[in-house]
Amino acid sequence: MAVKSGRVNLFSQRHKSFNSQYPYLAEALAELPDGTVVDGEIVALDESGRPNFNLLQSYRQQAIHIHYFIFDLLVCDNRDLTKLPLTERCKFMKSLLKLESHRVRISEQFEVSARDMLAAVRHQQLEGVIGKRKDSTYEAGKRTGSWVKYRVNRGQEFVIGGYIPGPHGFDSLIVGYYQGKDLMYVARVRNGFVPASRRQVFERIHHLVCPTMPFANLPDTLKSRWGDELTAEK
């Protein structure tokens, strides 16, 4: 989100404008000083103050629940802060950003152990937590090892049955689960890897390649919504 010459530009990671979609947020963010750029997230809060994705999906009918959480300050008074460590940017964010609207909030940062933070997130039945290095700079559009997203909702262990080749060893992993003696294909996994972790995983799996199809429910020749079917050859 950016404020320039008194005008607010609220946009997504892919630079799609959200001004018309969330006009009440754009109006509230206009309180920020001119020459300000922040990073944040649009969140829908339920009656108990907890994030609720379903409310966010029906944002037109649930406008009262929609809020904007600012979690990083990138430019202030036209000064670039992205090269400063995270701790310094947070200090500027809390001291310089003063907003009266209840729709815009400054995200809290907690310097606690990972164990204590995860325990608190699980106790409150939240989706997960973001962890960042205190000395990290802001690298726009890059997935670096200086931050991590950790989900704590219920999950299941999967078995790697194959991979799609990529520049750092693999582009995506093909995973499944055992149903009796049969390994059942579930999905391809791409997210959550940086180049270094892709190379590390690839080093551990590439020598296990075999000529037979491990999944009992493949090939699947039906096209998905993205037109990317998975065949035995692939």
C-alpha atoms as a PDB file:
ATOM      1  CA  MET A   1       0.000   0.000   0.000  1.00  0.00           C
ATOM      2  CA  ALA A   2       1.333   3.435  -0.970  1.00  0.00           C
ATOM      3  CA  VAL A   3       0.289   7.028  -0.314  1.00  0.00           C
ATOM      4  CA  LYS A   4       1.516   9.530  -2.882  1.00  0.00           C
ATOM      5  CA  SER A   5       0.308  13.094  -3.400  1.00  0.00           C
ATOM      6  CA  GLY A   6      -2.578  12.397  -1.059  1.00  0.00           C
ATOM      7  CA  ARG A   7      -3.809   9.392  -3.033  1.00  0.00           C
ATOM      8  CA  VAL A   8      -3.918   5.837  -1.687  1.00  0.00           C
ATOM      9  CA  ASN A   9      -2.970   2.862  -3.826  1.00  0.00           C
ATOM     10  CA  LEU A  10      -3.971  -0.408  -2.178  1.00  0.00           C
ATOM     11  CA  PHE A  11      -2.712  -3.309  -4.292  1.00  0.00           C
ATOM     12  CA  SER A  12      -1.924  -7.022  -4.177  1.00  0.00           C
ATOM     13  CA  GLN A  13       1.401  -8.850  -4.562  1.00  0.00           C
ATOM     14  CA  ARG A  14       0.732  -8.936  -8.299  1.00  0.00           C
ATOM     15  CA  HIS A  15       0.013  -5.189  -8.294  1.00  0.00           C
ATOM     16  CA  LYS A  16      -3.734  -5.609  -8.781  1.00  0.00           C
ATOM     17  CA  SER A  17      -5.564  -2.588  -7.385  1.00  0.00           C
ATOM     18  CA  PHE A  18      -7.870  -3.239  -4.413  1.00  0.00           C
ATOM     19  CA  ASN A  19      -9.111   0.365  -4.099  1.00  0.00           C
ATOM     20  CA  SER A  20     -12.531  -0.318  -5.580  1.00  0.00           C
ATOM     21  CA  GLN A  21     -12.815  -3.689  -3.824  1.00  0.00           C
ATOM     22  CA  TYR A  22     -12.087  -2.257  -0.364  1.00  0.00           C
ATOM     23  CA  PRO A  23     -12.902   1.480  -0.565  1.00  0.00           C
ATOM     24  CA  TYR A  24     -13.358   1.748   3.223  1.00  0.00           C
ATOM     25  CA  LEU A  25      -9.791   0.496   3.748  1.00  0.00           C
ATOM     26  CA  ALA A  26      -8.412   2.905   1.178  1.00  0.00           C
ATOM     27  CA  GLU A  27     -10.229   5.733   2.964  1.00  0.00           C
ATOM     28  CA  ALA A  28      -8.845   4.683   6.350  1.00  0.00           C
ATOM     29  CA  LEU A  29      -5.286   4.319   5.007  1.00  0.00           C
ATOM     30  CA  ALA A  30      -5.438   7.870   3.661  1.00  0.00           C
ATOM     31  CA  GLU A  31      -4.596   8.939   7.239  1.00  0.00           C
ATOM     32  CA  LEU A  32      -1.005   7.817   6.642  1.00  0.00           C
ATOM     33  CA  PRO A  33       1.563  10.538   5.845  1.00  0.00           C
ATOM     34  CA  ASP A  34       2.277  11.381   2.238  1.00  0.00           C
ATOM     35  CA  GLY A  35       5.226   9.492   0.762  1.00  0.00           C
ATOM     36  CA  THR A  36       4.515   6.317   2.775  1.00  0.00           C
ATOM     37  CA  VAL A  37       4.688   2.716   1.595  1.00  0.00           C
ATOM     38  CA  VAL A  38       3.677  -0.129   3.924  1.00  0.00           C
ATOM     39  CA  ASP A  39       3.324  -3.886   3.641  1.00  0.00           C
ATOM     40  CA  GLY A  40       0.317  -5.488   5.242  1.00  0.00           C
ATOM     41  CA  GLU A  41      -2.543  -7.918   4.941  1.00  0.00           C
ATOM     42  CA  ILE A  42      -6.308  -7.666   4.629  1.00  0.00           C
ATOM     43  CA  VAL A  43      -7.940  -9.739   7.371  1.00  0.00           C
ATOM     44  CA  ALA A  44     -11.542 -10.466   8.337  1.00  0.00           C
ATOM     45  CA  LEU A  45     -12.089 -10.735  12.106  1.00  0.00           C
ATOM     46  CA  ASP A  46     -15.055 -12.543  13.617  1.00  0.00           C
ATOM     47  CA  GLU A  47     -16.993 -11.452  16.703  1.00  0.00           C
ATOM     48  CA  SER A  48     -14.274 -12.813  19.000  1.00  0.00           C
ATOM     49  CA  GLY A  49     -11.507 -10.969  17.126  1.00  0.00           C
ATOM     50  CA  ARG A  50     -10.046 -14.035  15.419  1.00  0.00           C
ATOM     51  CA  PRO A  51      -9.223 -14.198  11.688  1.00  0.00           C
ATOM     52  CA  ASN A  52     -11.959 -15.823   9.616  1.00  0.00           C
ATOM     53  CA  PHE A  53     -11.265 -16.654   5.966  1.00  0.00           C
ATOM     54  CA  ASN A  54     -14.940 -17.271   5.134  1.00  0.00           C
ATOM     55  CA  LEU A  55     -15.832 -13.747   6.207  1.00  0.00           C
ATOM     56  CA  LEU A  56     -13.078 -12.426   3.969  1.00  0.00           C
ATOM     57  CA  GLN A  57     -14.565 -14.271   0.985  1.00  0.00           C
ATOM     58  CA  SER A  58     -17.867 -12.425   1.448  1.00  0.00           C
ATOM     59  CA  TYR A  59     -16.205  -9.039   1.976  1.00  0.00           C
ATOM     60  CA  ARG A  60     -19.053  -7.032   0.372  1.00  0.00           C
ATOM     61  CA  GLN A  61     -21.634  -8.343   2.853  1.00  0.00           C
ATOM     62  CA  GLN A  62     -19.181  -8.452   5.761  1.00  0.00           C
ATOM     63  CA  ALA A  63     -17.467  -5.072   5.381  1.00  0.00           C
ATOM     64  CA  ILE A  64     -17.697  -4.356   9.100  1.00  0.00           C
ATOM     65  CA  HIS A  65     -15.354  -7.281   9.786  1.00  0.00           C
ATOM     66  CA  ILE A  66     -12.628  -6.286   7.305  1.00  0.00           C
ATOM     67  CA  HIS A  67      -9.385  -4.799   8.668  1.00  0.00           C
ATOM     68  CA  TYR A  68      -5.924  -4.002   7.390  1.00  0.00           C
ATOM     69  CA  PHE A  69      -2.918  -5.076   9.456  1.00  0.00           C
ATOM     70  CA  ILE A  70       0.338  -3.219   8.752  1.00  0.00           C
ATOM     71  CA  PHE A  71       3.352  -5.422   9.457  1.00  0.00           C
ATOM     72  CA  ASP A  72       6.191  -3.512   7.775  1.00  0.00           C
ATOM     73  CA  LEU A  73       7.138   0.069   6.909  1.00  0.00           C
ATOM     74  CA  LEU A  74       9.089   0.330   3.649  1.00  0.00           C
ATOM     75  CA  VAL A  75       9.080   4.055   2.850  1.00  0.00           C
ATOM     76  CA  CYS A  76       8.375   6.958   5.186  1.00  0.00           C
ATOM     77  CA  ASP A  77       8.366  10.621   4.129  1.00  0.00           C
ATOM     78  CA  ASN A  78       9.829   9.376   0.813  1.00  0.00           C
ATOM     79  CA  ARG A  79      12.781   7.822   2.670  1.00  0.00           C
ATOM     80  CA  ASP A  80      13.611   4.229   1.693  1.00  0.00           C
ATOM     81  CA  LEU A  81      13.771   2.042   4.823  1.00  0.00           C
ATOM     82  CA  THR A  82      14.076  -1.365   3.137  1.00  0.00           C
ATOM     83  CA  LYS A  83      17.824  -1.643   3.808  1.00  0.00           C
ATOM     84  CA  LEU A  84      17.363  -1.151   7.545  1.00  0.00           C
ATOM     85  CA  PRO A  85      17.074  -4.242   9.781  1.00  0.00           C
ATOM     86  CA  LEU A  86      13.581  -5.353  10.713  1.00  0.00           C
ATOM     87  CA  THR A  87      13.934  -4.156  14.308  1.00  0.00           C
ATOM     88  CA  GLU A  88      14.637  -0.600  13.133  1.00  0.00           C
ATOM     89  CA  ARG A  89      11.726  -0.617  10.671  1.00  0.00           C
ATOM     90  CA  CYS A  90       9.411  -1.784  13.455  1.00  0.00           C
ATOM     91  CA  LYS A  91      10.503   1.087  15.698  1.00  0.00           C
ATOM     92  CA  PHE A  92       9.769   3.602  12.948  1.00  0.00           C
ATOM     93  CA  MET A  93       6.462   1.897  12.221  1.00  0.00           C
ATOM     94  CA  LYS A  94       5.226   2.165  15.802  1.00  0.00           C
ATOM     95  CA  SER A  95       6.472   5.715  16.407  1.00  0.00           C
ATOM     96  CA  LEU A  96       5.547   7.355  13.084  1.00  0.00           C
ATOM     97  CA  LEU A  97       2.316   5.668  11.993  1.00  0.00           C
ATOM     98  CA  LYS A  98      -0.587   7.146  13.933  1.00  0.00           C
ATOM     99  CA  LEU A  99      -4.062   6.138  12.776  1.00  0.00           C
ATOM    100  CA  GLU A 100      -7.446   6.843  14.306  1.00  0.00           C
ATOM    101  CA  SER A 101      -9.455   4.388  12.192  1.00  0.00           C
ATOM    102  CA  HIS A 102     -10.276   1.084  13.896  1.00  0.00           C
ATOM    103  CA  ARG A 103      -9.980  -0.599  10.493  1.00  0.00           C
ATOM    104  CA  VAL A 104      -6.190  -0.225  10.343  1.00  0.00           C
ATOM    105  CA  ARG A 105      -3.979  -1.830  12.948  1.00  0.00           C
ATOM    106  CA  ILE A 106      -0.244  -2.173  13.510  1.00  0.00           C
ATOM    107  CA  SER A 107       0.701  -5.835  13.706  1.00  0.00           C
ATOM    108  CA  GLU A 108       2.421  -6.824  16.940  1.00  0.00           C
ATOM    109  CA  GLN A 109       5.864  -8.433  16.980  1.00  0.00           C
ATOM    110  CA  PHE A 110       6.862 -10.802  19.771  1.00  0.00           C
ATOM    111  CA  GLU A 111      10.416 -11.716  20.738  1.00  0.00           C
ATOM    112  CA  VAL A 112       9.753 -15.106  22.297  1.00  0.00           C
ATOM    113  CA  SER A 113      10.985 -18.632  21.707  1.00  0.00           C
ATOM    114  CA  ALA A 114       9.506 -20.588  18.814  1.00  0.00           C
ATOM    115  CA  ARG A 115       8.168 -23.187  21.274  1.00  0.00           C
ATOM    116  CA  ASP A 116       6.263 -20.600  23.342  1.00  0.00           C
ATOM    117  CA  MET A 117       4.895 -18.846  20.267  1.00  0.00           C
ATOM    118  CA  LEU A 118       3.637 -22.075  18.675  1.00  0.00           C
ATOM    119  CA  ALA A 119       2.059 -23.137  21.954  1.00  0.00           C
ATOM    120  CA  ALA A 120       0.165 -19.830  22.159  1.00  0.00           C
ATOM    121  CA  VAL A 121      -0.966 -20.087  18.521  1.00  0.00           C
ATOM    122  CA  ARG A 122      -2.228 -23.644  19.044  1.00  0.00           C
ATOM    123  CA  HIS A 123      -4.001 -22.658  22.273  1.00  0.00           C
ATOM    124  CA  GLN A 124      -5.889 -19.916  20.433  1.00  0.00           C
ATOM    125  CA  GLN A 125      -6.541 -22.262  17.472  1.00  0.00           C
ATOM    126  CA  LEU A 126      -4.994 -19.862  14.990  1.00  0.00           C
ATOM    127  CA  GLU A 127      -3.823 -20.877  11.529  1.00  0.00           C
ATOM    128  CA  GLY A 128      -0.107 -20.311  12.003  1.00  0.00           C
ATOM    129  CA  VAL A 129       2.698 -17.857  12.623  1.00  0.00           C
ATOM    130  CA  ILE A 130       5.271 -15.853  10.665  1.00  0.00           C
ATOM    131  CA  GLY A 131       8.835 -15.795  11.952  1.00  0.00           C
ATOM    132  CA  LYS A 132      11.447 -13.299  10.720  1.00  0.00           C
ATOM    133  CA  ARG A 133      15.108 -12.641  11.422  1.00  0.00           C
ATOM    134  CA  LYS A 134      15.445  -9.457  13.465  1.00  0.00           C
ATOM    135  CA  ASP A 135      18.379  -8.252  11.363  1.00  0.00           C
ATOM    136  CA  SER A 136      16.752  -8.984   7.975  1.00  0.00           C
ATOM    137  CA  THR A 137      16.272  -6.318   5.322  1.00  0.00           C
ATOM    138  CA  TYR A 138      13.171  -6.103   3.128  1.00  0.00           C
ATOM    139  CA  GLU A 139      13.612  -7.886  -0.207  1.00  0.00           C
ATOM    140  CA  ALA A 140      10.541  -7.238  -2.330  1.00  0.00           C
ATOM    141  CA  GLY A 141       9.203 -10.187  -4.304  1.00  0.00           C
ATOM    142  CA  LYS A 142      11.812 -12.639  -3.002  1.00  0.00           C
ATOM    143  CA  ARG A 143      11.326 -15.794  -0.960  1.00  0.00           C
ATOM    144  CA  THR A 144      14.459 -15.780   1.187  1.00  0.00           C
ATOM    145  CA  GLY A 145      15.606 -17.785   4.172  1.00  0.00           C
ATOM    146  CA  SER A 146      15.218 -14.771   6.475  1.00  0.00           C
ATOM    147  CA  TRP A 147      11.535 -15.487   7.160  1.00  0.00           C
ATOM    148  CA  VAL A 148       9.348 -18.543   7.521  1.00  0.00           C
ATOM    149  CA  LYS A 149       5.622 -19.274   7.523  1.00  0.00           C
ATOM    150  CA  TYR A 150       4.633 -22.069   9.904  1.00  0.00           C
ATOM    151  CA  ARG A 151       1.144 -23.573   9.842  1.00  0.00           C
ATOM    152  CA  VAL A 152      -0.145 -25.267  12.963  1.00  0.00           C
ATOM    153  CA  ASN A 153      -3.514 -26.543  11.801  1.00  0.00           C
ATOM    154  CA  ARG A 154      -4.127 -30.264  11.474  1.00  0.00           C
ATOM    155  CA  GLY A 155      -2.180 -32.007   8.755  1.00  0.00           C
ATOM    156  CA  GLN A 156      -1.063 -35.357   7.474  1.00  0.00           C
ATOM    157  CA  GLU A 157       2.287 -36.892   6.631  1.00  0.00           C
ATOM    158  CA  PHE A 158       2.866 -37.551   2.940  1.00  0.00           C
ATOM    159  CA  VAL A 159       5.297 -39.668   0.968  1.00  0.00           C
ATOM    160  CA  ILE A 160       7.354 -38.223  -1.886  1.00  0.00           C
ATOM    161  CA  GLY A 161       6.713 -40.405  -4.928  1.00  0.00           C
ATOM    162  CA  GLY A 162       8.321 -38.271  -7.607  1.00  0.00           C
ATOM    163  CA  TYR A 163       9.277 -34.788  -8.690  1.00  0.00           C
ATOM    164  CA  ILE A 164       9.045 -32.364 -11.590  1.00  0.00           C
ATOM    165  CA  PRO A 165      12.589 -31.241 -12.582  1.00  0.00           C
ATOM    166  CA  GLY A 166      13.522 -27.600 -12.051  1.00  0.00           C
ATOM    167  CA  PRO A 167      16.515 -25.241 -12.061  1.00  0.00           C
ATOM    168  CA  HIS A 168      17.497 -26.111  -8.465  1.00  0.00           C
ATOM    169  CA  GLY A 169      16.849 -29.838  -8.748  1.00  0.00           C
ATOM    170  CA  PHE A 170      13.065 -29.900  -8.718  1.00  0.00           C
ATOM    171  CA  ASP A 171      10.219 -27.520  -9.482  1.00  0.00           C
ATOM    172  CA  SER A 172       7.620 -29.451  -7.471  1.00  0.00           C
ATOM    173  CA  LEU A 173       7.361 -32.639  -5.434  1.00  0.00           C
ATOM    174  CA  ILE A 174       4.708 -35.267  -6.209  1.00  0.00           C
ATOM    175  CA  VAL A 175       3.309 -36.604  -2.934  1.00  0.00           C
ATOM    176  CA  GLY A 176       0.801 -39.182  -1.758  1.00  0.00           C
ATOM    177  CA  TYR A 177      -0.266 -41.357   1.169  1.00  0.00           C
ATOM    178  CA  TYR A 178      -0.543 -45.084   1.711  1.00  0.00           C
ATOM    179  CA  GLN A 179      -3.947 -46.745   1.547  1.00  0.00           C
ATOM    180  CA  GLY A 180      -3.070 -50.245   2.613  1.00  0.00           C
ATOM    181  CA  LYS A 181      -0.196 -51.225   0.324  1.00  0.00           C
ATOM    182  CA  ASP A 182      -1.165 -48.707  -2.375  1.00  0.00           C
ATOM    183  CA  LEU A 183       0.488 -45.304  -2.591  1.00  0.00           C
ATOM    184  CA  MET A 184      -2.267 -42.847  -3.583  1.00  0.00           C
ATOM    185  CA  TYR A 185      -1.350 -39.646  -5.403  1.00  0.00           C
ATOM    186  CA  VAL A 186      -2.600 -36.473  -3.699  1.00  0.00           C
ATOM    187  CA  ALA A 187      -0.936 -33.366  -5.135  1.00  0.00           C
ATOM    188  CA  ARG A 188       2.146 -31.553  -6.331  1.00  0.00           C
ATOM    189  CA  VAL A 189       3.888 -29.286  -3.826  1.00  0.00           C
ATOM    190  CA  ARG A 190       5.835 -26.173  -4.898  1.00  0.00           C
ATOM    191  CA  ASN A 191       5.434 -23.623  -2.116  1.00  0.00           C
ATOM    192  CA  GLY A 192       7.603 -23.307   0.955  1.00  0.00           C
ATOM    193  CA  PHE A 193      10.971 -23.905  -0.705  1.00  0.00           C
ATOM    194  CA  VAL A 194      13.857 -21.558  -1.351  1.00  0.00           C
ATOM    195  CA  PRO A 195      16.699 -22.461  -3.775  1.00  0.00           C
ATOM    196  CA  ALA A 196      18.909 -23.774  -0.959  1.00  0.00           C
ATOM    197  CA  SER A 197      16.251 -26.093   0.487  1.00  0.00           C
ATOM    198  CA  ARG A 198      15.355 -27.332  -3.018  1.00  0.00           C
ATOM    199  CA  ARG A 199      18.958 -28.369  -3.562  1.00  0.00           C
ATOM    200  CA  GLN A 200      19.130 -30.034  -0.133  1.00  0.00           C
ATOM    201  CA  VAL A 201      15.963 -32.067  -0.718  1.00  0.00           C
ATOM    202  CA  PHE A 202      17.030 -32.987  -4.252  1.00  0.00           C
ATOM    203  CA  GLU A 203      20.349 -34.334  -2.948  1.00  0.00           C
ATOM    204  CA  ARG A 204      18.403 -36.720  -0.716  1.00  0.00           C
ATOM    205  CA  ILE A 205      15.928 -38.014  -3.310  1.00  0.00           C
ATOM    206  CA  HIS A 206      17.535 -37.993  -6.773  1.00  0.00           C
ATOM    207  CA  HIS A 207      19.399 -41.308  -6.252  1.00  0.00           C
ATOM    208  CA  LEU A 208      16.087 -43.017  -5.356  1.00  0.00           C
ATOM    209  CA  VAL A 209      14.646 -42.598  -8.865  1.00  0.00           C
ATOM    210  CA  CYS A 210      13.147 -45.837 -10.248  1.00  0.00           C
ATOM    211  CA  PRO A 211      11.552 -46.651 -13.635  1.00  0.00           C
ATOM    212  CA  THR A 212       8.180 -47.806 -12.268  1.00  0.00           C
ATOM    213  CA  MET A 213       5.144 -45.678 -11.419  1.00  0.00           C
ATOM    214  CA  PRO A 214       4.755 -45.704  -7.602  1.00  0.00           C
ATOM    215  CA  PHE A 215       1.196 -44.312  -7.465  1.00  0.00           C
ATOM    216  CA  ALA A 216      -1.740 -46.710  -7.744  1.00  0.00           C
ATOM    217  CA  ASN A 217      -4.172 -44.039  -8.984  1.00  0.00           C
ATOM    218  CA  LEU A 218      -2.048 -42.695 -11.850  1.00  0.00           C
ATOM    219  CA  PRO A 219      -1.930 -41.904 -14.705  1.00  0.00           C
ATOM    220  CA  ASP A 220      -4.615 -39.239 -14.394  1.00  0.00           C
ATOM    221  CA  THR A 221      -5.443 -37.890 -17.844  1.00  0.00           C
ATOM    222  CA  LEU A 222      -8.275 -35.601 -16.738  1.00  0.00           C
ATOM    223  CA  LYS A 223      -7.317 -31.960 -17.078  1.00  0.00           C
ATOM    224  CA  SER A 224      -7.430 -29.903 -13.903  1.00  0.00           C
ATOM    225  CA  ARG A 225      -8.849 -26.376 -13.732  1.00  0.00           C
ATOM    226  CA  TRP A 226      -5.388 -25.173 -14.782  1.00  0.00           C
ATOM    227  CA  GLY A 227      -5.188 -27.623 -17.710  1.00  0.00           C
ATOM    228  CA  ASP A 228      -2.210 -29.416 -16.186  1.00  0.00           C
ATOM    229  CA  GLU A 229      -2.988 -33.134 -16.041  1.00  0.00           C
ATOM    230  CA  LEU A 230      -0.510 -35.591 -14.543  1.00  0.00           C
ATOM    231  CA  THR A 231       0.253 -38.640 -16.692  1.00  0.00           C
ATOM    232  CA  ALA A 232       2.492 -41.658 -16.033  1.00  0.00           C
ATOM    233  CA  GLU A 233       5.059 -40.244 -18.440  1.00  0.00           C
ATOM    234  CA  LYS A 234       5.267 -36.977 -16.535  1.00  0.00           C
END
